[in-house]
């Protein structure tokens, strides 16, 4: 079994790409980081970055246990992890055969996030969210570009359309 981590900044396209990849491949499944609650989960990303951006503060035991269950089942050839840390968390890194980063420019990711998450928000709520992003959250996005992108084995251009991204991911995992 091959275990592939797909990372990107928030709204960078990882979940959408993984769902399409899994639907188009036989014997493939996925686990999604956002489906879990973890001990040590960071609430203040600004402070986390200032403190040194330690990816090991997350206790990823529930994800690790589910990875092991999928491996033990013997049902799949591919396990895709919708997972933002590549090789940076010591609990998960040894399971990974490959880490792929979808490199989506921050402006595109922000536009997607606003369209996806704030479609019913007021203009004041959107402005407030943008102020928080600029003052506190953007640094965590930049930290991912600094740490996760170069730690990944492959980088896919997140400005391409979904079909192209999916085909690139499938090509990477089936040809190596």
Protein backbone atom coordinates (compact mmCIF):
# COMPACT_ATOMS: atom_id res chain seq x y z
CA UNK A 1 0.00 0.00 0.00
CA UNK A 2 1.16 3.51 -0.82
CA UNK A 3 0.32 6.30 1.60
CA UNK A 4 0.31 9.74 0.04
CA UNK A 5 -0.06 13.00 1.95
CA UNK A 6 -1.63 15.84 0.00
CA UNK A 7 -1.05 19.27 1.51
CA UNK A 8 -1.97 22.84 0.65
CA UNK A 9 -2.88 25.99 2.49
CA UNK A 10 -6.47 26.28 3.66
CA UNK A 11 -8.73 26.37 0.57
CA UNK A 12 -5.76 25.36 -1.56
CA UNK A 13 -7.71 22.51 -3.16
CA UNK A 14 -6.47 19.44 -1.30
CA UNK A 15 -9.85 18.06 -0.21
CA UNK A 16 -11.45 18.58 -3.62
CA UNK A 17 -8.46 17.02 -5.40
CA UNK A 18 -8.33 14.01 -3.07
CA UNK A 19 -12.04 13.31 -3.46
CA UNK A 20 -11.67 13.35 -7.24
CA UNK A 21 -8.53 11.20 -7.18
CA UNK A 22 -10.11 8.58 -4.91
CA UNK A 23 -13.29 8.47 -7.03
CA UNK A 24 -11.24 7.88 -10.19
CA UNK A 25 -8.86 5.20 -8.86
CA UNK A 26 -9.55 1.63 -7.90
CA UNK A 27 -8.63 0.44 -4.41
CA UNK A 28 -8.06 3.97 -3.13
CA UNK A 29 -9.39 5.63 0.01
CA UNK A 30 -8.76 8.80 1.99
CA UNK A 31 -8.58 10.15 5.51
CA UNK A 32 -9.20 13.85 6.10
CA UNK A 33 -7.31 15.79 8.79
CA UNK A 34 -10.28 18.12 9.31
CA UNK A 35 -12.48 15.18 10.35
CA UNK A 36 -10.50 14.80 13.59
CA UNK A 37 -10.05 16.60 16.88
CA UNK A 38 -6.55 16.34 18.29
CA UNK A 39 -4.97 16.91 21.68
CA UNK A 40 -2.64 19.88 21.46
CA UNK A 41 -4.60 21.34 18.56
CA UNK A 42 -3.49 24.93 17.98
CA UNK A 43 -6.05 27.69 18.53
CA UNK A 44 -3.77 30.69 18.14
CA UNK A 45 -1.75 30.20 14.93
CA UNK A 46 -0.07 33.57 15.27
CA UNK A 47 1.39 32.58 18.65
CA UNK A 48 2.23 29.10 17.31
CA UNK A 49 4.34 30.66 14.54
CA UNK A 50 6.01 33.07 16.97
CA UNK A 51 6.81 30.14 19.27
CA UNK A 52 8.61 28.31 16.46
CA UNK A 53 5.87 26.50 14.51
CA UNK A 54 6.28 23.10 16.15
CA UNK A 55 4.17 20.65 14.12
CA UNK A 56 4.58 18.06 16.86
CA UNK A 57 2.31 19.90 19.32
CA UNK A 58 -0.58 18.11 17.63
CA UNK A 59 -1.08 14.64 19.09
CA UNK A 60 -2.22 12.84 15.95
CA UNK A 61 -3.02 9.53 17.66
CA UNK A 62 -6.57 9.27 16.22
CA UNK A 63 -5.27 9.75 12.67
CA UNK A 64 -2.40 7.34 13.25
CA UNK A 65 -4.82 4.70 14.54
CA UNK A 66 -7.03 5.09 11.47
CA UNK A 67 -4.01 4.84 9.16
CA UNK A 68 -3.09 1.57 10.88
CA UNK A 69 -6.67 0.28 10.50
CA UNK A 70 -6.62 0.99 6.77
CA UNK A 71 -3.24 -0.74 6.42
CA UNK A 72 -4.43 -3.76 8.41
CA UNK A 73 -7.62 -4.07 6.35
CA UNK A 74 -5.61 -4.93 3.24
CA UNK A 75 -8.46 -3.53 1.13
CA UNK A 76 -6.63 -0.67 -0.55
CA UNK A 77 -3.58 -0.02 -2.69
CA UNK A 78 -3.61 3.72 -2.03
CA UNK A 79 -4.37 5.76 1.05
CA UNK A 80 -4.55 9.51 0.46
CA UNK A 81 -4.22 11.74 3.49
CA UNK A 82 -5.81 15.17 3.29
CA UNK A 83 -3.08 16.30 5.62
CA UNK A 84 -1.30 19.65 5.99
CA UNK A 85 2.03 18.64 7.55
CA UNK A 86 3.89 16.45 4.99
CA UNK A 87 6.79 14.93 6.96
CA UNK A 88 6.78 17.54 9.74
CA UNK A 89 4.85 15.59 12.41
CA UNK A 90 6.88 12.71 13.89
CA UNK A 91 3.79 10.56 14.57
CA UNK A 92 2.81 10.35 10.90
CA UNK A 93 6.00 10.89 8.88
CA UNK A 94 7.17 7.27 8.88
CA UNK A 95 3.89 6.10 7.38
CA UNK A 96 4.23 8.34 4.33
CA UNK A 97 5.53 7.09 1.03
CA UNK A 98 5.08 10.43 -0.66
CA UNK A 99 4.07 14.01 0.12
CA UNK A 100 2.52 16.19 -2.56
CA UNK A 101 1.93 19.91 -2.06
CA UNK A 102 -0.68 21.76 -4.10
CA UNK A 103 0.91 25.19 -4.42
CA UNK A 104 -2.04 27.57 -4.55
CA UNK A 105 -1.27 31.29 -4.35
CA UNK A 106 -2.58 32.86 -1.16
CA UNK A 107 -4.88 35.26 -3.02
CA UNK A 108 -6.63 32.37 -4.80
CA UNK A 109 -6.91 30.38 -1.56
CA UNK A 110 -8.35 33.42 0.22
CA UNK A 111 -10.90 34.04 -2.54
CA UNK A 112 -11.94 30.38 -2.41
CA UNK A 113 -12.23 30.47 1.38
CA UNK A 114 -14.41 33.58 1.32
CA UNK A 115 -16.62 32.15 -1.44
CA UNK A 116 -16.88 28.77 0.30
CA UNK A 117 -17.12 29.74 3.97
CA UNK A 118 -18.59 33.22 3.96
CA UNK A 119 -21.23 33.17 1.24
CA UNK A 120 -23.92 34.23 3.72
CA UNK A 121 -21.73 36.57 5.77
CA UNK A 122 -22.28 40.28 5.98
CA UNK A 123 -19.80 42.72 4.50
CA UNK A 124 -18.77 43.69 8.05
CA UNK A 125 -18.10 40.05 8.93
CA UNK A 126 -15.98 39.60 5.80
CA UNK A 127 -14.01 42.80 6.55
CA UNK A 128 -13.45 41.64 10.12
CA UNK A 129 -12.24 38.24 8.91
CA UNK A 130 -9.85 39.94 6.46
CA UNK A 131 -8.41 42.09 9.27
CA UNK A 132 -7.83 38.99 11.43
CA UNK A 133 -6.24 37.22 8.46
CA UNK A 134 -3.83 40.11 7.81
CA UNK A 135 -2.93 40.65 11.47
CA UNK A 136 -2.77 37.10 12.77
CA UNK A 137 -3.56 34.23 10.41
CA UNK A 138 -1.56 35.01 7.27
CA UNK A 139 1.69 34.14 9.04
CA UNK A 140 0.50 30.52 9.42
CA UNK A 141 -0.18 30.29 5.68
CA UNK A 142 3.28 31.68 4.96
CA UNK A 143 4.78 29.23 7.47
CA UNK A 144 3.31 26.35 5.46
CA UNK A 145 4.93 27.71 2.32
CA UNK A 146 8.20 27.95 4.21
CA UNK A 147 8.08 24.50 5.87
CA UNK A 148 5.68 22.15 4.08
CA UNK A 149 6.17 23.06 0.42
CA UNK A 150 9.95 22.40 0.41
CA UNK A 151 9.52 19.29 2.57
CA UNK A 152 7.17 17.74 0.02
CA UNK A 153 8.38 15.28 -2.61
CA UNK A 154 6.29 16.82 -5.39
CA UNK A 155 4.68 20.20 -5.99
CA UNK A 156 1.58 20.59 -8.15
CA UNK A 157 0.53 23.99 -9.51
CA UNK A 158 -2.66 24.93 -7.67
CA UNK A 159 -3.65 27.46 -10.33
CA UNK A 160 -4.40 24.69 -12.82
CA UNK A 161 -7.93 23.35 -13.21
CA UNK A 162 -9.04 20.44 -11.06
CA UNK A 163 -8.88 17.82 -13.82
CA UNK A 164 -5.23 18.66 -14.55
CA UNK A 165 -4.31 18.59 -10.85
CA UNK A 166 -6.03 15.22 -10.41
CA UNK A 167 -4.24 13.73 -13.42
CA UNK A 168 -0.89 15.03 -12.15
CA UNK A 169 -1.46 13.48 -8.73
CA UNK A 170 -2.54 10.17 -10.25
CA UNK A 171 0.50 10.17 -12.51
CA UNK A 172 2.83 10.82 -9.58
CA UNK A 173 1.43 8.02 -7.42
CA UNK A 174 1.11 5.39 -10.14
CA UNK A 175 4.48 6.00 -11.80
CA UNK A 176 6.78 6.01 -8.79
